[in-house]
Amino acid sequence: MRQYEDEANRFSADTLVPPRALSEFLKGKDLRSEAIYAFAEEVGVGPGLVVGRLQYEGVLQPHQGNAFKQKLSWRSSEDD
């Protein structure tokens, strides 16, 4: 079961941030905020997703780039 979950996670990550585009981005080694934002725009995702991917891949430390992440919360209609 874990294998399928890992495959699904990799598929999702690669669909949101294509590996070839990520590889090209990382060749420049420019991980400043402006570069991350521009790359996110280029691939059509939010910069928080790019930061999460870079953290997952070990390119960024878990605390780096977190300002790009947005905290979301859902309320059910029962909460009103």
Protein backbone atom coordinates (compact mmCIF):
# COMPACT_ATOMS: atom_id res chain seq x y z
CA MET A 1 0.00 0.00 0.00
CA ARG A 2 2.86 2.39 0.84
CA GLN A 3 4.29 1.90 -2.66
CA TYR A 4 1.08 3.23 -4.22
CA GLU A 5 1.06 6.22 -1.91
CA ASP A 6 4.69 6.99 -2.80
CA GLU A 7 3.89 6.69 -6.51
CA ALA A 8 0.89 9.00 -6.13
CA ASN A 9 2.98 11.56 -4.23
CA ARG A 10 5.70 11.50 -6.89
CA PHE A 11 3.11 11.80 -9.69
CA SER A 12 1.51 14.80 -7.97
CA ALA A 13 4.84 16.49 -7.32
CA ASP A 14 6.01 15.95 -10.89
CA THR A 15 2.69 17.12 -12.33
CA LEU A 16 2.70 20.35 -10.34
CA VAL A 17 6.40 21.10 -10.80
CA PRO A 18 7.74 19.25 -13.85
CA PRO A 19 11.09 17.56 -13.14
CA ARG A 20 12.76 18.94 -16.28
CA ALA A 21 11.77 22.51 -15.41
CA LEU A 22 12.91 22.03 -11.82
CA SER A 23 16.24 20.63 -12.98
CA GLU A 24 16.80 23.62 -15.27
CA PHE A 25 15.87 26.01 -12.47
CA LEU A 26 18.31 24.35 -10.08
CA LYS A 27 21.17 24.57 -12.57
CA GLY A 28 21.18 28.33 -11.97
CA LYS A 29 21.49 27.78 -8.20
CA ASP A 30 19.63 31.08 -7.66
CA LEU A 31 17.32 30.38 -4.74
CA ARG A 32 16.55 33.98 -3.83
CA SER A 33 12.91 34.85 -3.28
CA GLU A 34 12.66 36.65 -6.62
CA ALA A 35 13.95 33.62 -8.52
CA ILE A 36 11.58 31.25 -6.73
CA TYR A 37 8.65 33.55 -7.43
CA ALA A 38 9.59 33.88 -11.12
CA PHE A 39 9.99 30.10 -11.48
CA ALA A 40 6.61 29.51 -9.85
CA GLU A 41 5.03 31.93 -12.33
CA GLU A 42 6.80 30.16 -15.19
CA VAL A 43 5.44 26.72 -14.29
CA GLY A 44 2.03 28.06 -13.25
CA VAL A 45 1.93 27.21 -9.56
CA GLY A 46 2.11 29.17 -6.34
CA PRO A 47 5.55 29.89 -4.93
CA GLY A 48 4.61 27.99 -1.76
CA LEU A 49 4.35 24.81 -3.82
CA VAL A 50 7.80 25.40 -5.27
CA VAL A 51 9.22 26.00 -1.79
CA GLY A 52 7.55 22.83 -0.51
CA ARG A 53 9.03 20.83 -3.38
CA LEU A 54 12.48 22.30 -2.78
CA GLN A 55 12.20 21.48 0.92
CA TYR A 56 11.02 17.94 0.14
CA GLU A 57 13.94 17.43 -2.25
CA GLY A 58 16.37 18.71 0.40
CA VAL A 59 17.40 21.75 -1.62
CA LEU A 60 15.99 24.10 1.04
CA GLN A 61 15.98 23.54 4.77
CA PRO A 62 12.52 23.08 6.37
CA HIS A 63 12.55 26.66 7.68
CA GLN A 64 13.67 28.31 4.43
CA GLY A 65 11.12 29.98 2.19
CA ASN A 66 8.17 29.47 4.50
CA ALA A 67 7.04 33.07 3.96
CA PHE A 68 5.82 31.91 0.53
CA LYS A 69 3.51 29.33 2.06
CA GLN A 70 -0.11 30.21 2.72
CA LYS A 71 -1.99 28.69 5.59
CA LEU A 72 -5.43 27.53 4.53
CA SER A 73 -8.30 26.53 6.70
CA TRP A 74 -11.71 25.18 5.90
CA ARG A 75 -14.79 25.63 7.94
CA SER A 76 -17.74 23.36 7.54
CA SER A 77 -21.23 24.81 7.37
CA GLU A 78 -21.74 23.30 10.81
CA ASP A 79 -19.13 25.72 12.21
CA ASP A 80 -21.33 28.74 11.49
